[in-house]
């Protein structure tokens, strides 16, 4: 993924922040959020069972970042569209990304699901706990994907790279130390590896043994 511009990264980071709760709260039935993949002019919302990590257990829905009037879409709309899709049968698709089925979403004809009481409660509590900020933290978290039972890939907008850095991290271990060092680690060019399998990043960095 080439650098699409700072405004796109900020919108992807905003959507990612908004959706994070749905890794623990179901979107619909037994379907949870398993990732948000930052694509050019879109986000790919990955859904599956609460502990799903294998590509055949996941589905990626590609939601454009702007509507038919070229206005930026809001995170609550992305949530509503995803919930509508997650509540029904899997649409037919021949497209894949990272071995997952990829479903392009036509937001001009898809009705977003109504917000739930849980959505409203989370929105209230989130706003009070994490007040709105004009710019996301640095490095901005523009997406993520569960890649194992104790592993995650983070898509970060670093200071040095022309595009996103995908940092592979382990969820068990010294997380406090890793979080403190992460901004500098992702900007160390000697750690960068070109990732030909993942189209959502310019480079990847393996921090699973850091």
N, C-alpha and C. Protein backbone atom coordinates (compact mmCIF):
# COMPACT_ATOMS: atom_id res chain seq x y z
N UNK A 1 0.84 -1.19 0.00
CA UNK A 1 0.00 0.00 0.00
C UNK A 1 0.88 1.24 0.00
N UNK A 2 0.80 2.05 -1.04
CA UNK A 2 1.54 3.29 -1.10
C UNK A 2 0.90 4.32 -0.18
N UNK A 3 1.62 5.38 0.10
CA UNK A 3 1.14 6.41 1.01
C UNK A 3 -0.02 7.17 0.38
N UNK A 4 -1.27 7.02 0.88
CA UNK A 4 -2.40 7.71 0.29
C UNK A 4 -2.61 9.11 0.85
N UNK A 5 -1.85 9.47 1.88
CA UNK A 5 -1.99 10.81 2.45
C UNK A 5 -2.41 10.76 3.90
N UNK A 6 -2.03 11.82 4.63
CA UNK A 6 -2.29 11.87 6.06
C UNK A 6 -3.76 11.88 6.41
N UNK A 7 -4.61 12.52 5.61
CA UNK A 7 -6.04 12.57 5.92
C UNK A 7 -6.65 11.18 5.89
N UNK A 8 -6.22 10.36 4.94
CA UNK A 8 -6.72 8.98 4.88
C UNK A 8 -6.29 8.21 6.12
N UNK A 9 -5.04 8.36 6.53
CA UNK A 9 -4.56 7.67 7.72
C UNK A 9 -5.36 8.12 8.95
N UNK A 10 -5.65 9.41 9.05
CA UNK A 10 -6.40 9.91 10.20
C UNK A 10 -7.81 9.32 10.22
N UNK A 11 -8.46 9.21 9.05
CA UNK A 11 -9.80 8.64 9.01
C UNK A 11 -9.77 7.15 9.36
N UNK A 12 -8.78 6.44 8.83
CA UNK A 12 -8.65 5.02 9.16
C UNK A 12 -8.38 4.82 10.65
N UNK A 13 -7.57 5.69 11.23
CA UNK A 13 -7.28 5.59 12.67
C UNK A 13 -8.53 5.88 13.49
N UNK A 14 -9.32 6.85 13.06
CA UNK A 14 -10.58 7.17 13.74
C UNK A 14 -11.55 6.00 13.70
N UNK A 15 -11.70 5.37 12.54
CA UNK A 15 -12.60 4.22 12.42
C UNK A 15 -12.10 3.05 13.26
N UNK A 16 -10.79 2.82 13.23
CA UNK A 16 -10.22 1.74 14.02
C UNK A 16 -10.48 1.95 15.51
N UNK A 17 -10.23 3.17 16.01
CA UNK A 17 -10.48 3.46 17.42
C UNK A 17 -11.93 3.20 17.79
N UNK A 18 -12.84 3.61 16.93
CA UNK A 18 -14.27 3.48 17.21
C UNK A 18 -14.70 2.02 17.29
N UNK A 19 -14.12 1.17 16.45
CA UNK A 19 -14.57 -0.21 16.35
C UNK A 19 -13.90 -1.15 17.35
N UNK A 20 -12.88 -0.71 18.05
CA UNK A 20 -12.08 -1.61 18.88
C UNK A 20 -12.91 -2.42 19.87
N UNK A 21 -13.96 -1.83 20.44
CA UNK A 21 -14.76 -2.53 21.45
C UNK A 21 -15.38 -3.81 20.90
N UNK A 22 -15.57 -3.88 19.59
CA UNK A 22 -16.28 -5.01 19.01
C UNK A 22 -15.38 -6.24 18.79
N UNK A 23 -14.14 -6.15 19.29
CA UNK A 23 -13.33 -7.36 19.41
C UNK A 23 -13.81 -8.19 20.60
N UNK A 24 -14.51 -7.55 21.54
CA UNK A 24 -15.02 -8.24 22.73
C UNK A 24 -16.54 -8.28 22.78
N UNK A 25 -17.19 -7.28 22.17
CA UNK A 25 -18.65 -7.22 22.10
C UNK A 25 -19.06 -7.71 20.72
N UNK A 26 -19.98 -8.68 20.61
CA UNK A 26 -20.33 -9.20 19.28
C UNK A 26 -20.98 -8.15 18.39
N UNK A 27 -20.63 -8.19 17.12
CA UNK A 27 -21.29 -7.35 16.12
C UNK A 27 -22.72 -7.83 15.88
N UNK A 28 -22.86 -9.15 15.74
CA UNK A 28 -24.16 -9.77 15.51
C UNK A 28 -24.03 -11.25 15.84
N UNK A 29 -24.93 -11.77 16.66
CA UNK A 29 -24.87 -13.19 17.00
C UNK A 29 -23.52 -13.55 17.59
N UNK A 30 -22.85 -14.52 16.94
CA UNK A 30 -21.53 -14.93 17.39
C UNK A 30 -20.40 -14.35 16.56
N UNK A 31 -20.67 -13.27 15.84
CA UNK A 31 -19.67 -12.65 14.96
C UNK A 31 -19.03 -11.44 15.64
N UNK A 32 -17.70 -11.42 15.63
CA UNK A 32 -16.93 -10.36 16.28
C UNK A 32 -16.02 -9.68 15.26
N UNK A 33 -15.50 -8.53 15.64
CA UNK A 33 -14.47 -7.85 14.86
C UNK A 33 -13.14 -8.55 15.08
N UNK A 34 -12.47 -8.93 13.98
CA UNK A 34 -11.17 -9.60 14.08
C UNK A 34 -10.07 -8.79 13.42
N UNK A 35 -10.44 -7.67 12.81
CA UNK A 35 -9.40 -6.83 12.22
C UNK A 35 -10.00 -5.66 11.47
N UNK A 36 -9.17 -4.64 11.26
CA UNK A 36 -9.47 -3.52 10.36
C UNK A 36 -8.24 -3.33 9.50
N UNK A 37 -8.38 -3.57 8.21
CA UNK A 37 -7.24 -3.49 7.29
C UNK A 37 -7.32 -2.19 6.50
N UNK A 38 -6.28 -1.36 6.56
CA UNK A 38 -6.29 -0.08 5.85
C UNK A 38 -5.92 -0.26 4.38
N UNK A 39 -6.87 0.02 3.50
CA UNK A 39 -6.64 -0.07 2.05
C UNK A 39 -6.73 1.33 1.46
N UNK A 40 -6.34 1.46 0.20
CA UNK A 40 -6.43 2.77 -0.45
C UNK A 40 -7.90 3.17 -0.58
N UNK A 41 -8.26 4.30 0.02
CA UNK A 41 -9.62 4.85 -0.05
C UNK A 41 -10.66 3.93 0.56
N UNK A 42 -10.28 3.04 1.45
CA UNK A 42 -11.23 2.10 2.04
C UNK A 42 -10.66 1.54 3.34
N UNK A 43 -11.55 0.92 4.11
CA UNK A 43 -11.14 0.05 5.20
C UNK A 43 -11.75 -1.32 4.94
N UNK A 44 -11.03 -2.36 5.28
CA UNK A 44 -11.53 -3.72 5.13
C UNK A 44 -11.78 -4.26 6.54
N UNK A 45 -13.06 -4.36 6.88
CA UNK A 45 -13.46 -4.78 8.22
C UNK A 45 -13.52 -6.30 8.24
N UNK A 46 -12.70 -6.92 9.07
CA UNK A 46 -12.58 -8.37 9.12
C UNK A 46 -13.43 -8.91 10.27
N UNK A 47 -14.27 -9.89 9.97
CA UNK A 47 -15.16 -10.45 10.98
C UNK A 47 -14.97 -11.96 11.07
N UNK A 48 -15.37 -12.52 12.22
CA UNK A 48 -15.29 -13.96 12.43
C UNK A 48 -15.71 -14.29 13.84
N UNK A 49 -15.59 -15.53 14.21
CA UNK A 49 -15.88 -15.95 15.58
C UNK A 49 -14.90 -15.29 16.54
N UNK A 50 -15.21 -15.35 17.83
CA UNK A 50 -14.46 -14.60 18.83
C UNK A 50 -12.97 -14.95 18.85
N UNK A 51 -12.60 -16.19 18.49
CA UNK A 51 -11.19 -16.58 18.52
C UNK A 51 -10.67 -16.96 17.14
N UNK A 52 -11.39 -16.58 16.09
CA UNK A 52 -10.99 -16.96 14.73
C UNK A 52 -9.74 -16.20 14.30
N UNK A 53 -8.77 -16.94 13.72
CA UNK A 53 -7.55 -16.32 13.19
C UNK A 53 -7.18 -16.89 11.82
N UNK A 54 -7.66 -18.09 11.49
CA UNK A 54 -7.33 -18.69 10.19
C UNK A 54 -8.09 -17.98 9.08
N UNK A 55 -7.45 -17.73 7.93
CA UNK A 55 -8.11 -16.99 6.85
C UNK A 55 -9.46 -17.57 6.43
N UNK A 56 -9.61 -18.90 6.42
CA UNK A 56 -10.88 -19.48 5.98
C UNK A 56 -12.00 -19.28 7.00
N UNK A 57 -11.64 -18.82 8.21
CA UNK A 57 -12.63 -18.54 9.25
C UNK A 57 -13.06 -17.08 9.25
N UNK A 58 -12.44 -16.27 8.41
CA UNK A 58 -12.64 -14.82 8.44
C UNK A 58 -13.27 -14.32 7.14
N UNK A 59 -13.87 -13.14 7.20
CA UNK A 59 -14.40 -12.46 6.01
C UNK A 59 -14.00 -10.99 6.11
N UNK A 60 -13.51 -10.41 5.01
CA UNK A 60 -13.15 -9.00 4.96
C UNK A 60 -14.16 -8.25 4.11
N UNK A 61 -14.81 -7.25 4.69
CA UNK A 61 -15.76 -6.39 3.98
C UNK A 61 -15.07 -5.06 3.66
N UNK A 62 -14.98 -4.74 2.36
CA UNK A 62 -14.29 -3.51 1.97
C UNK A 62 -15.29 -2.35 1.88
N UNK A 63 -15.14 -1.39 2.80
CA UNK A 63 -16.04 -0.25 2.91
C UNK A 63 -15.31 1.00 2.43
N UNK A 64 -15.84 1.71 1.45
CA UNK A 64 -15.18 2.94 0.98
C UNK A 64 -15.17 4.00 2.06
N UNK A 65 -14.16 4.87 2.02
CA UNK A 65 -14.02 5.92 3.02
C UNK A 65 -14.86 7.15 2.72
N UNK A 66 -15.46 7.21 1.53
CA UNK A 66 -16.30 8.35 1.19
C UNK A 66 -17.60 7.86 0.57
N UNK A 67 -18.66 8.69 0.68
CA UNK A 67 -19.96 8.31 0.14
C UNK A 67 -20.09 8.81 -1.30
N UNK A 68 -21.32 8.68 -1.85
CA UNK A 68 -21.52 9.07 -3.26
C UNK A 68 -21.34 10.55 -3.49
N UNK A 69 -21.39 11.36 -2.42
CA UNK A 69 -21.16 12.80 -2.53
C UNK A 69 -19.72 13.17 -2.19
N UNK A 70 -18.85 12.15 -2.09
CA UNK A 70 -17.43 12.33 -1.77
C UNK A 70 -17.23 12.90 -0.37
N UNK A 71 -18.21 12.69 0.50
CA UNK A 71 -18.06 13.08 1.90
C UNK A 71 -17.50 11.91 2.70
N UNK A 72 -16.64 12.17 3.69
CA UNK A 72 -16.08 11.06 4.48
C UNK A 72 -17.18 10.30 5.22
N UNK A 73 -17.12 8.98 5.22
CA UNK A 73 -18.09 8.19 5.97
C UNK A 73 -17.70 8.21 7.44
N UNK A 74 -18.70 8.07 8.30
CA UNK A 74 -18.45 8.08 9.74
C UNK A 74 -18.26 6.66 10.26
N UNK A 75 -17.61 6.55 11.39
CA UNK A 75 -17.40 5.24 12.00
C UNK A 75 -18.72 4.56 12.39
N UNK A 76 -19.72 5.29 12.95
CA UNK A 76 -21.00 4.63 13.23
C UNK A 76 -21.65 4.03 11.98
N UNK A 77 -21.50 4.68 10.84
CA UNK A 77 -22.03 4.10 9.60
C UNK A 77 -21.28 2.83 9.22
N UNK A 78 -19.96 2.84 9.35
CA UNK A 78 -19.17 1.63 9.06
C UNK A 78 -19.63 0.50 9.96
N UNK A 79 -19.87 0.80 11.22
CA UNK A 79 -20.38 -0.21 12.16
C UNK A 79 -21.74 -0.73 11.71
N UNK A 80 -22.65 0.18 11.34
CA UNK A 80 -23.98 -0.23 10.93
C UNK A 80 -23.98 -1.09 9.68
N UNK A 81 -23.18 -0.72 8.69
CA UNK A 81 -23.08 -1.52 7.46
C UNK A 81 -22.49 -2.90 7.78
N UNK A 82 -21.44 -2.92 8.60
CA UNK A 82 -20.82 -4.21 8.94
C UNK A 82 -21.79 -5.10 9.68
N UNK A 83 -22.57 -4.52 10.60
CA UNK A 83 -23.53 -5.33 11.35
C UNK A 83 -24.61 -5.90 10.42
N UNK A 84 -25.07 -5.11 9.45
CA UNK A 84 -26.04 -5.62 8.48
C UNK A 84 -25.49 -6.82 7.74
N UNK A 85 -24.24 -6.71 7.28
CA UNK A 85 -23.62 -7.81 6.54
C UNK A 85 -23.38 -9.02 7.43
N UNK A 86 -22.93 -8.77 8.66
CA UNK A 86 -22.63 -9.88 9.57
C UNK A 86 -23.89 -10.59 10.03
N UNK A 87 -25.05 -9.94 9.89
CA UNK A 87 -26.31 -10.55 10.32
C UNK A 87 -26.91 -11.47 9.27
N UNK A 88 -26.40 -11.41 8.05
CA UNK A 88 -26.96 -12.21 6.97
C UNK A 88 -25.98 -13.25 6.46
N UNK A 89 -26.37 -13.95 5.40
CA UNK A 89 -25.46 -14.95 4.81
C UNK A 89 -24.29 -14.26 4.12
N UNK A 90 -23.20 -14.98 3.98
CA UNK A 90 -22.02 -14.42 3.32
C UNK A 90 -22.33 -14.15 1.86
N UNK A 91 -22.18 -12.91 1.39
CA UNK A 91 -22.40 -12.62 -0.04
C UNK A 91 -21.41 -13.39 -0.91
N UNK A 92 -21.85 -13.74 -2.10
CA UNK A 92 -20.95 -14.45 -3.01
C UNK A 92 -19.84 -13.52 -3.48
N UNK A 93 -18.63 -14.03 -3.49
CA UNK A 93 -17.49 -13.24 -3.95
C UNK A 93 -16.40 -14.18 -4.44
N UNK A 94 -15.71 -13.76 -5.49
CA UNK A 94 -14.56 -14.50 -6.00
C UNK A 94 -13.25 -13.84 -5.56
N UNK A 95 -13.35 -12.67 -4.93
CA UNK A 95 -12.16 -11.93 -4.54
C UNK A 95 -11.64 -12.42 -3.19
N UNK A 96 -10.33 -12.34 -3.03
CA UNK A 96 -9.70 -12.67 -1.76
C UNK A 96 -8.62 -11.66 -1.45
N UNK A 97 -8.27 -11.56 -0.17
CA UNK A 97 -7.12 -10.77 0.25
C UNK A 97 -6.49 -11.51 1.42
N UNK A 98 -5.19 -11.77 1.34
CA UNK A 98 -4.47 -12.51 2.37
C UNK A 98 -5.19 -13.83 2.67
N UNK A 99 -5.72 -14.46 1.60
CA UNK A 99 -6.41 -15.75 1.64
C UNK A 99 -7.79 -15.69 2.29
N UNK A 100 -8.28 -14.48 2.62
CA UNK A 100 -9.62 -14.31 3.16
C UNK A 100 -10.59 -13.92 2.05
N UNK A 101 -11.86 -14.34 2.11
CA UNK A 101 -12.85 -13.82 1.18
C UNK A 101 -12.96 -12.31 1.34
N UNK A 102 -12.99 -11.59 0.21
CA UNK A 102 -13.08 -10.13 0.23
C UNK A 102 -14.39 -9.71 -0.43
N UNK A 103 -15.23 -8.99 0.31
CA UNK A 103 -16.55 -8.59 -0.17
C UNK A 103 -16.58 -7.07 -0.34
N UNK A 104 -16.58 -6.55 -1.59
CA UNK A 104 -16.75 -5.11 -1.79
C UNK A 104 -18.15 -4.69 -1.35
N UNK A 105 -18.26 -3.59 -0.61
CA UNK A 105 -19.53 -3.14 -0.06
C UNK A 105 -20.03 -1.94 -0.86
N UNK A 106 -21.24 -2.07 -1.42
CA UNK A 106 -21.89 -0.96 -2.12
C UNK A 106 -22.75 -0.21 -1.10
N UNK A 107 -22.20 0.84 -0.55
CA UNK A 107 -22.90 1.56 0.52
C UNK A 107 -24.07 2.39 0.01
N UNK A 108 -24.22 2.50 -1.31
CA UNK A 108 -25.36 3.27 -1.85
C UNK A 108 -26.65 2.47 -1.78
N UNK A 109 -26.56 1.16 -1.65
CA UNK A 109 -27.77 0.33 -1.60
C UNK A 109 -27.90 -0.44 -0.28
N UNK A 110 -26.85 -0.48 0.52
CA UNK A 110 -26.89 -1.23 1.77
C UNK A 110 -27.40 -0.36 2.90
N UNK A 111 -28.40 -0.85 3.62
CA UNK A 111 -28.94 -0.13 4.76
C UNK A 111 -28.14 -0.46 6.01
N UNK A 112 -27.64 0.55 6.72
CA UNK A 112 -26.93 0.25 7.96
C UNK A 112 -27.90 -0.19 9.05
N UNK A 113 -27.49 -1.15 9.86
CA UNK A 113 -28.31 -1.59 10.98
C UNK A 113 -28.43 -0.46 12.00
N UNK A 114 -29.57 -0.44 12.69
CA UNK A 114 -29.75 0.55 13.75
C UNK A 114 -28.76 0.30 14.88
N UNK A 115 -28.38 1.36 15.56
CA UNK A 115 -27.50 1.20 16.70
C UNK A 115 -28.25 0.52 17.84
N UNK A 116 -27.52 -0.20 18.66
CA UNK A 116 -28.11 -0.92 19.79
C UNK A 116 -27.89 -0.11 21.08
N UNK A 117 -28.52 -0.57 22.15
CA UNK A 117 -28.29 0.09 23.44
C UNK A 117 -26.83 -0.05 23.86
N UNK A 118 -26.24 -1.19 23.54
CA UNK A 118 -24.82 -1.38 23.85
C UNK A 118 -23.97 -0.38 23.08
N UNK A 119 -24.30 -0.15 21.80
CA UNK A 119 -23.58 0.84 21.00
C UNK A 119 -23.64 2.21 21.67
N UNK A 120 -24.84 2.59 22.10
CA UNK A 120 -25.02 3.92 22.69
C UNK A 120 -24.25 4.04 24.00
N UNK A 121 -24.28 2.96 24.81
CA UNK A 121 -23.53 2.99 26.07
C UNK A 121 -22.03 3.09 25.82
N UNK A 122 -21.53 2.29 24.86
CA UNK A 122 -20.11 2.33 24.54
C UNK A 122 -19.70 3.70 24.02
N UNK A 123 -20.55 4.29 23.19
CA UNK A 123 -20.22 5.60 22.62
C UNK A 123 -20.14 6.66 23.73
N UNK A 124 -21.07 6.61 24.67
CA UNK A 124 -21.05 7.56 25.78
C UNK A 124 -19.80 7.38 26.63
N UNK A 125 -19.53 6.13 27.02
CA UNK A 125 -18.39 5.87 27.89
C UNK A 125 -17.07 6.15 27.19
N UNK A 126 -17.00 5.80 25.89
CA UNK A 126 -15.77 6.03 25.12
C UNK A 126 -15.48 7.52 25.03
N UNK A 127 -16.51 8.32 24.80
CA UNK A 127 -16.32 9.77 24.65
C UNK A 127 -15.82 10.39 25.95
N UNK A 128 -16.33 9.89 27.07
CA UNK A 128 -15.90 10.42 28.36
C UNK A 128 -14.50 9.93 28.73
N UNK A 129 -14.21 8.67 28.40
CA UNK A 129 -12.92 8.11 28.78
C UNK A 129 -11.81 8.55 27.84
N UNK A 130 -12.14 8.66 26.55
CA UNK A 130 -11.15 9.05 25.53
C UNK A 130 -11.73 10.22 24.74
N UNK A 131 -11.62 11.43 25.25
CA UNK A 131 -12.19 12.58 24.53
C UNK A 131 -11.63 12.70 23.13
N UNK A 132 -12.43 13.28 22.24
CA UNK A 132 -12.02 13.44 20.84
C UNK A 132 -10.75 14.26 20.75
N UNK A 133 -9.84 13.82 19.90
CA UNK A 133 -8.65 14.61 19.60
C UNK A 133 -8.58 14.82 18.10
N UNK A 134 -8.10 15.98 17.70
CA UNK A 134 -8.07 16.33 16.28
C UNK A 134 -7.17 15.40 15.48
N UNK A 135 -6.03 15.05 16.05
CA UNK A 135 -5.09 14.16 15.38
C UNK A 135 -4.88 12.91 16.23
N UNK A 136 -4.75 11.75 15.59
CA UNK A 136 -4.53 10.53 16.37
C UNK A 136 -3.15 10.51 16.99
N UNK A 137 -2.94 9.67 18.00
CA UNK A 137 -1.60 9.55 18.59
C UNK A 137 -0.59 9.13 17.53
N UNK A 138 0.68 9.37 17.84
CA UNK A 138 1.74 8.99 16.91
C UNK A 138 2.58 7.87 17.54
N UNK A 139 2.76 6.75 16.83
CA UNK A 139 2.26 6.48 15.49
C UNK A 139 0.76 6.14 15.51
N UNK A 140 0.04 6.62 14.50
CA UNK A 140 -1.39 6.38 14.44
C UNK A 140 -1.66 4.91 14.14
N UNK A 141 -2.58 4.31 14.90
CA UNK A 141 -3.02 2.93 14.64
C UNK A 141 -4.11 2.98 13.58
N UNK A 142 -3.76 2.61 12.35
CA UNK A 142 -4.69 2.68 11.22
C UNK A 142 -5.40 1.36 10.95
N UNK A 143 -5.05 0.32 11.69
CA UNK A 143 -5.70 -0.96 11.51
C UNK A 143 -4.99 -2.03 12.32
N UNK A 144 -5.58 -3.23 12.32
CA UNK A 144 -4.99 -4.35 13.04
C UNK A 144 -5.62 -5.63 12.52
N UNK A 145 -4.98 -6.75 12.85
CA UNK A 145 -5.52 -8.07 12.48
C UNK A 145 -5.00 -9.09 13.47
N UNK A 146 -5.92 -9.88 14.04
CA UNK A 146 -5.49 -11.01 14.86
C UNK A 146 -4.89 -12.07 13.95
N UNK A 147 -3.65 -12.47 14.22
CA UNK A 147 -2.96 -13.43 13.36
C UNK A 147 -2.64 -14.74 14.09
N UNK A 148 -2.97 -14.82 15.35
CA UNK A 148 -2.76 -16.03 16.14
C UNK A 148 -3.45 -15.85 17.47
N UNK A 149 -3.48 -16.91 18.27
CA UNK A 149 -4.16 -16.80 19.55
C UNK A 149 -3.48 -15.81 20.49
N UNK A 150 -2.18 -15.56 20.31
CA UNK A 150 -1.49 -14.57 21.13
C UNK A 150 -0.66 -13.61 20.27
N UNK A 151 -1.09 -13.44 19.01
CA UNK A 151 -0.36 -12.55 18.11
C UNK A 151 -1.30 -11.61 17.38
N UNK A 152 -0.76 -10.44 17.06
CA UNK A 152 -1.55 -9.43 16.35
C UNK A 152 -0.63 -8.66 15.42
N UNK A 153 -1.19 -8.23 14.29
CA UNK A 153 -0.47 -7.34 13.37
C UNK A 153 -1.07 -5.95 13.50
N UNK A 154 -0.23 -4.96 13.77
CA UNK A 154 -0.66 -3.58 13.93
C UNK A 154 -0.22 -2.78 12.70
N UNK A 155 -1.13 -1.99 12.15
CA UNK A 155 -0.81 -1.15 10.99
C UNK A 155 -0.64 0.28 11.48
N UNK A 156 0.60 0.76 11.41
CA UNK A 156 0.98 2.02 12.04
C UNK A 156 1.52 3.01 11.01
N UNK A 157 1.10 4.26 11.17
CA UNK A 157 1.62 5.33 10.33
C UNK A 157 2.83 5.93 11.03
N UNK A 158 4.01 5.46 10.69
CA UNK A 158 5.23 5.96 11.30
C UNK A 158 5.67 7.28 10.69
N UNK A 159 6.78 7.78 11.20
CA UNK A 159 7.28 9.08 10.73
C UNK A 159 8.16 8.94 9.49
N UNK A 160 8.80 7.79 9.29
CA UNK A 160 9.84 7.67 8.30
C UNK A 160 9.39 7.02 6.99
N UNK A 161 8.46 6.09 7.06
CA UNK A 161 8.11 5.30 5.87
C UNK A 161 7.08 6.01 5.01
N UNK A 162 7.17 5.79 3.68
CA UNK A 162 6.14 6.26 2.75
C UNK A 162 5.06 5.20 2.67
N UNK A 163 4.21 5.17 3.66
CA UNK A 163 3.18 4.15 3.76
C UNK A 163 3.14 3.58 5.16
N UNK A 164 2.29 2.61 5.36
CA UNK A 164 2.10 2.05 6.69
C UNK A 164 3.13 0.95 6.99
N UNK A 165 3.46 0.85 8.27
CA UNK A 165 4.32 -0.22 8.76
C UNK A 165 3.44 -1.23 9.48
N UNK A 166 3.55 -2.49 9.14
CA UNK A 166 2.83 -3.55 9.83
C UNK A 166 3.76 -4.16 10.86
N UNK A 167 3.42 -3.98 12.13
CA UNK A 167 4.25 -4.50 13.22
C UNK A 167 3.60 -5.74 13.80
N UNK A 168 4.29 -6.87 13.73
CA UNK A 168 3.80 -8.12 14.32
C UNK A 168 4.26 -8.17 15.77
N UNK A 169 3.28 -8.32 16.68
CA UNK A 169 3.59 -8.31 18.11
C UNK A 169 2.95 -9.52 18.78
N UNK A 170 3.52 -9.88 19.92
CA UNK A 170 2.99 -10.97 20.73
C UNK A 170 2.24 -10.36 21.91
N UNK A 171 1.04 -10.89 22.19
CA UNK A 171 0.19 -10.32 23.23
C UNK A 171 0.60 -10.75 24.63
N UNK A 172 1.39 -11.81 24.72
CA UNK A 172 1.93 -12.21 26.00
C UNK A 172 3.37 -11.71 26.08
N UNK A 173 3.78 -11.29 27.25
CA UNK A 173 5.13 -10.78 27.39
C UNK A 173 5.12 -9.37 27.95
N UNK A 174 6.21 -8.66 27.72
CA UNK A 174 6.40 -7.33 28.32
C UNK A 174 5.70 -6.27 27.47
N UNK A 175 4.37 -6.21 27.55
CA UNK A 175 3.62 -5.28 26.72
C UNK A 175 3.91 -3.82 27.08
N UNK A 176 4.08 -3.54 28.35
CA UNK A 176 4.34 -2.15 28.77
C UNK A 176 5.62 -1.63 28.12
N UNK A 177 6.65 -2.44 28.15
CA UNK A 177 7.93 -2.04 27.54
C UNK A 177 7.79 -1.91 26.03
N UNK A 178 7.06 -2.86 25.42
CA UNK A 178 6.88 -2.81 23.97
C UNK A 178 6.14 -1.55 23.56
N UNK A 179 5.07 -1.22 24.27
CA UNK A 179 4.28 -0.03 23.92
C UNK A 179 5.11 1.24 24.04
N UNK A 180 5.97 1.29 25.04
CA UNK A 180 6.82 2.47 25.22
C UNK A 180 7.83 2.60 24.09
N UNK A 181 8.34 1.46 23.61
CA UNK A 181 9.39 1.49 22.58
C UNK A 181 8.84 1.50 21.16
N UNK A 182 7.54 1.19 20.99
CA UNK A 182 6.98 1.00 19.66
C UNK A 182 7.19 2.17 18.71
N UNK A 183 6.97 3.43 19.12
CA UNK A 183 7.18 4.54 18.18
C UNK A 183 8.56 4.58 17.55
N UNK A 184 9.60 4.27 18.34
CA UNK A 184 10.95 4.30 17.78
C UNK A 184 11.26 3.02 17.02
N UNK A 185 10.73 1.89 17.46
CA UNK A 185 11.02 0.62 16.79
C UNK A 185 10.50 0.60 15.35
N UNK A 186 9.32 1.13 15.12
CA UNK A 186 8.74 1.06 13.77
C UNK A 186 9.44 2.02 12.81
N UNK A 187 10.18 2.98 13.34
CA UNK A 187 10.89 3.91 12.47
C UNK A 187 12.35 3.52 12.25
N UNK A 188 12.78 2.36 12.76
CA UNK A 188 14.14 1.87 12.52
C UNK A 188 14.17 1.12 11.19
N UNK A 189 14.71 1.76 10.17
CA UNK A 189 14.64 1.22 8.81
C UNK A 189 15.31 -0.15 8.69
N UNK A 190 16.30 -0.44 9.51
CA UNK A 190 16.97 -1.73 9.41
C UNK A 190 16.04 -2.89 9.79
N UNK A 191 14.94 -2.59 10.44
CA UNK A 191 13.97 -3.63 10.79
C UNK A 191 12.94 -3.88 9.68
N UNK A 192 12.84 -2.98 8.71
CA UNK A 192 11.79 -3.07 7.71
C UNK A 192 12.05 -4.22 6.74
N UNK A 193 10.98 -4.95 6.44
CA UNK A 193 11.01 -6.01 5.44
C UNK A 193 9.86 -5.79 4.48
N UNK A 194 10.13 -5.86 3.18
CA UNK A 194 9.05 -5.74 2.20
C UNK A 194 8.16 -6.97 2.28
N UNK A 195 6.86 -6.75 2.46
CA UNK A 195 5.91 -7.84 2.65
C UNK A 195 5.10 -8.00 1.37
N UNK A 196 5.38 -9.05 0.61
CA UNK A 196 4.69 -9.25 -0.67
C UNK A 196 3.33 -9.91 -0.50
N UNK A 197 3.05 -10.47 0.70
CA UNK A 197 1.77 -11.15 0.93
C UNK A 197 0.68 -10.19 1.39
N UNK A 198 1.08 -9.14 2.10
CA UNK A 198 0.12 -8.21 2.70
C UNK A 198 0.09 -6.91 1.91
N UNK A 199 -1.03 -6.61 1.21
CA UNK A 199 -1.10 -5.39 0.41
C UNK A 199 -1.46 -4.14 1.22
N UNK A 200 -1.59 -4.27 2.52
CA UNK A 200 -2.06 -3.16 3.35
C UNK A 200 -0.93 -2.37 3.99
N UNK A 201 0.31 -2.71 3.68
CA UNK A 201 1.44 -2.03 4.29
C UNK A 201 2.56 -1.86 3.28
N UNK A 202 3.45 -0.91 3.58
CA UNK A 202 4.65 -0.74 2.77
C UNK A 202 5.74 -1.70 3.22
N UNK A 203 5.85 -1.87 4.54
CA UNK A 203 6.85 -2.76 5.11
C UNK A 203 6.25 -3.44 6.34
N UNK A 204 6.88 -4.55 6.76
CA UNK A 204 6.49 -5.19 8.01
C UNK A 204 7.72 -5.25 8.93
N UNK A 205 7.43 -5.32 10.22
CA UNK A 205 8.46 -5.38 11.24
C UNK A 205 8.07 -6.50 12.22
N UNK A 206 8.97 -7.42 12.45
CA UNK A 206 8.70 -8.53 13.37
C UNK A 206 9.19 -8.16 14.77
N UNK A 207 8.22 -7.92 15.67
CA UNK A 207 8.56 -7.58 17.05
C UNK A 207 8.07 -8.66 18.02
N UNK A 208 7.78 -9.84 17.48
CA UNK A 208 7.23 -10.90 18.32
C UNK A 208 8.24 -11.44 19.33
N UNK A 209 9.52 -11.25 19.07
CA UNK A 209 10.53 -11.73 20.01
C UNK A 209 11.25 -10.58 20.70
N UNK A 210 10.73 -9.37 20.54
CA UNK A 210 11.40 -8.20 21.12
C UNK A 210 11.25 -8.20 22.63
